[in-house]
């Protein structure tokens, strides 16, 4: 049986943070290629998220809102420049 180690008091928050960041930093220095790939992937993900939100904003502003404010009812035929569709249960007779 081994002797129990004495209980150490907890470290202050700044010391824990500093130690943790030191561990992360040493890992980043050892795995430069993987960190580079991860940062590039995160940047591409962020750019795709921004592009998706811009596309949704464009569609909402230029297609959905004008169709809703012009009194267009669901299921009504739209012009060539608009997108108009509705599920069968939403169409008015």
C-alpha atoms as a PDB file:
ATOM      1  CA  UNK A   1       0.000   0.000   0.000  1.00  0.00           C
ATOM      2  CA  UNK A   2       1.352   3.451  -0.852  1.00  0.00           C
ATOM      3  CA  UNK A   3       1.227   6.474   1.356  1.00  0.00           C
ATOM      4  CA  UNK A   4      -1.419   9.026   0.514  1.00  0.00           C
ATOM      5  CA  UNK A   5      -0.178  12.294  -0.924  1.00  0.00           C
ATOM      6  CA  UNK A   6      -0.927  15.395   1.096  1.00  0.00           C
ATOM      7  CA  UNK A   7      -3.827  17.442  -0.229  1.00  0.00           C
ATOM      8  CA  UNK A   8      -2.639  20.610  -1.919  1.00  0.00           C
ATOM      9  CA  UNK A   9      -4.658  23.803  -1.756  1.00  0.00           C
ATOM     10  CA  UNK A  10      -6.261  24.801  -5.055  1.00  0.00           C
ATOM     11  CA  UNK A  11      -4.300  27.111  -7.310  1.00  0.00           C
ATOM     12  CA  UNK A  12      -5.536  30.643  -7.938  1.00  0.00           C
ATOM     13  CA  UNK A  13      -7.572  31.053 -11.129  1.00  0.00           C
ATOM     14  CA  UNK A  14      -4.832  32.995 -12.938  1.00  0.00           C
ATOM     15  CA  UNK A  15      -2.290  30.239 -12.286  1.00  0.00           C
ATOM     16  CA  UNK A  16      -4.637  27.565 -13.615  1.00  0.00           C
ATOM     17  CA  UNK A  17      -5.340  29.611 -16.725  1.00  0.00           C
ATOM     18  CA  UNK A  18      -1.633  30.287 -17.295  1.00  0.00           C
ATOM     19  CA  UNK A  19      -0.776  26.598 -16.934  1.00  0.00           C
ATOM     20  CA  UNK A  20      -3.568  25.551 -19.281  1.00  0.00           C
ATOM     21  CA  UNK A  21      -2.579  28.091 -21.924  1.00  0.00           C
ATOM     22  CA  UNK A  22       1.029  26.898 -21.635  1.00  0.00           C
ATOM     23  CA  UNK A  23      -0.091  23.344 -22.371  1.00  0.00           C
ATOM     24  CA  UNK A  24      -2.164  24.484 -25.356  1.00  0.00           C
ATOM     25  CA  UNK A  25       0.706  26.633 -26.660  1.00  0.00           C
ATOM     26  CA  UNK A  26       3.196  23.746 -26.472  1.00  0.00           C
ATOM     27  CA  UNK A  27       0.743  21.546 -28.356  1.00  0.00           C
ATOM     28  CA  UNK A  28       0.349  24.217 -31.023  1.00  0.00           C
ATOM     29  CA  UNK A  29       4.126  24.402 -31.467  1.00  0.00           C
ATOM     30  CA  UNK A  30       4.327  20.620 -31.851  1.00  0.00           C
ATOM     31  CA  UNK A  31       1.402  20.313 -34.291  1.00  0.00           C
ATOM     32  CA  UNK A  32       1.791  23.345 -36.568  1.00  0.00           C
ATOM     33  CA  UNK A  33       0.323  21.621 -39.607  1.00  0.00           C
ATOM     34  CA  UNK A  34      -2.820  20.435 -37.816  1.00  0.00           C
ATOM     35  CA  UNK A  35      -3.373  23.845 -36.223  1.00  0.00           C
ATOM     36  CA  UNK A  36      -3.034  25.495 -39.638  1.00  0.00           C
ATOM     37  CA  UNK A  37      -5.586  23.103 -41.129  1.00  0.00           C
ATOM     38  CA  UNK A  38      -7.954  23.709 -38.204  1.00  0.00           C
ATOM     39  CA  UNK A  39      -7.696  27.504 -38.496  1.00  0.00           C
ATOM     40  CA  UNK A  40      -8.256  27.395 -42.261  1.00  0.00           C
ATOM     41  CA  UNK A  41     -11.246  25.090 -41.774  1.00  0.00           C
ATOM     42  CA  UNK A  42     -12.730  27.387 -39.138  1.00  0.00           C
ATOM     43  CA  UNK A  43     -12.270  30.408 -41.419  1.00  0.00           C
ATOM     44  CA  UNK A  44     -13.978  28.597 -44.300  1.00  0.00           C
ATOM     45  CA  UNK A  45     -16.834  27.581 -41.995  1.00  0.00           C
ATOM     46  CA  UNK A  46     -17.266  31.200 -40.876  1.00  0.00           C
ATOM     47  CA  UNK A  47     -17.237  32.440 -44.476  1.00  0.00           C
ATOM     48  CA  UNK A  48     -19.850  29.839 -45.465  1.00  0.00           C
ATOM     49  CA  UNK A  49     -22.036  30.875 -42.529  1.00  0.00           C
ATOM     50  CA  UNK A  50     -21.842  34.537 -43.541  1.00  0.00           C
ATOM     51  CA  UNK A  51     -22.570  33.685 -47.193  1.00  0.00           C
ATOM     52  CA  UNK A  52     -25.580  31.589 -46.195  1.00  0.00           C
ATOM     53  CA  UNK A  53     -27.020  34.354 -44.039  1.00  0.00           C
ATOM     54  CA  UNK A  54     -26.490  36.870 -46.860  1.00  0.00           C
ATOM     55  CA  UNK A  55     -28.312  34.575 -49.300  1.00  0.00           C
ATOM     56  CA  UNK A  56     -31.228  34.099 -46.885  1.00  0.00           C
ATOM     57  CA  UNK A  57     -31.378  37.867 -46.329  1.00  0.00           C
ATOM     58  CA  UNK A  58     -31.405  38.523 -50.070  1.00  0.00           C
ATOM     59  CA  UNK A  59     -34.183  36.019 -50.689  1.00  0.00           C
ATOM     60  CA  UNK A  60     -36.237  37.392 -47.813  1.00  0.00           C
ATOM     61  CA  UNK A  61     -35.785  41.025 -48.844  1.00  0.00           C
ATOM     62  CA  UNK A  62     -36.183  40.655 -52.613  1.00  0.00           C
ATOM     63  CA  UNK A  63     -38.594  37.743 -53.027  1.00  0.00           C
ATOM     64  CA  UNK A  64     -40.589  36.915 -49.899  1.00  0.00           C
ATOM     65  CA  UNK A  65     -41.271  40.426 -48.568  1.00  0.00           C
ATOM     66  CA  UNK A  66     -42.408  41.917 -51.919  1.00  0.00           C
ATOM     67  CA  UNK A  67     -44.674  38.920 -52.496  1.00  0.00           C
ATOM     68  CA  UNK A  68     -46.193  39.286 -49.025  1.00  0.00           C
ATOM     69  CA  UNK A  69     -46.697  43.059 -49.238  1.00  0.00           C
ATOM     70  CA  UNK A  70     -48.237  42.978 -52.725  1.00  0.00           C
ATOM     71  CA  UNK A  71     -51.144  40.879 -51.515  1.00  0.00           C
ATOM     72  CA  UNK A  72     -50.057  37.744 -53.319  1.00  0.00           C
ATOM     73  CA  UNK A  73     -51.933  34.800 -51.888  1.00  0.00           C
ATOM     74  CA  UNK A  74     -50.294  31.404 -51.355  1.00  0.00           C
ATOM     75  CA  UNK A  75     -50.576  29.122 -54.353  1.00  0.00           C
ATOM     76  CA  UNK A  76     -51.107  31.974 -56.806  1.00  0.00           C
ATOM     77  CA  UNK A  77     -49.017  31.860 -59.961  1.00  0.00           C
ATOM     78  CA  UNK A  78     -46.009  34.136 -59.794  1.00  0.00           C
ATOM     79  CA  UNK A  79     -44.151  36.001 -62.490  1.00  0.00           C
ATOM     80  CA  UNK A  80     -40.953  34.666 -64.010  1.00  0.00           C
ATOM     81  CA  UNK A  81     -38.794  36.732 -61.660  1.00  0.00           C
ATOM     82  CA  UNK A  82     -40.400  35.444 -58.455  1.00  0.00           C
ATOM     83  CA  UNK A  83     -40.349  32.181 -56.616  1.00  0.00           C
ATOM     84  CA  UNK A  84     -43.823  31.179 -55.540  1.00  0.00           C
ATOM     85  CA  UNK A  85     -44.821  27.869 -54.053  1.00  0.00           C
ATOM     86  CA  UNK A  86     -47.041  26.610 -51.331  1.00  0.00           C
ATOM     87  CA  UNK A  87     -47.895  23.163 -49.997  1.00  0.00           C
ATOM     88  CA  UNK A  88     -51.208  21.741 -51.124  1.00  0.00           C
ATOM     89  CA  UNK A  89     -52.839  22.216 -47.686  1.00  0.00           C
ATOM     90  CA  UNK A  90     -51.999  25.939 -47.761  1.00  0.00           C
ATOM     91  CA  UNK A  91     -53.440  26.774 -51.168  1.00  0.00           C
ATOM     92  CA  UNK A  92     -56.643  28.737 -51.372  1.00  0.00           C
ATOM     93  CA  UNK A  93     -59.342  27.490 -53.748  1.00  0.00           C
END
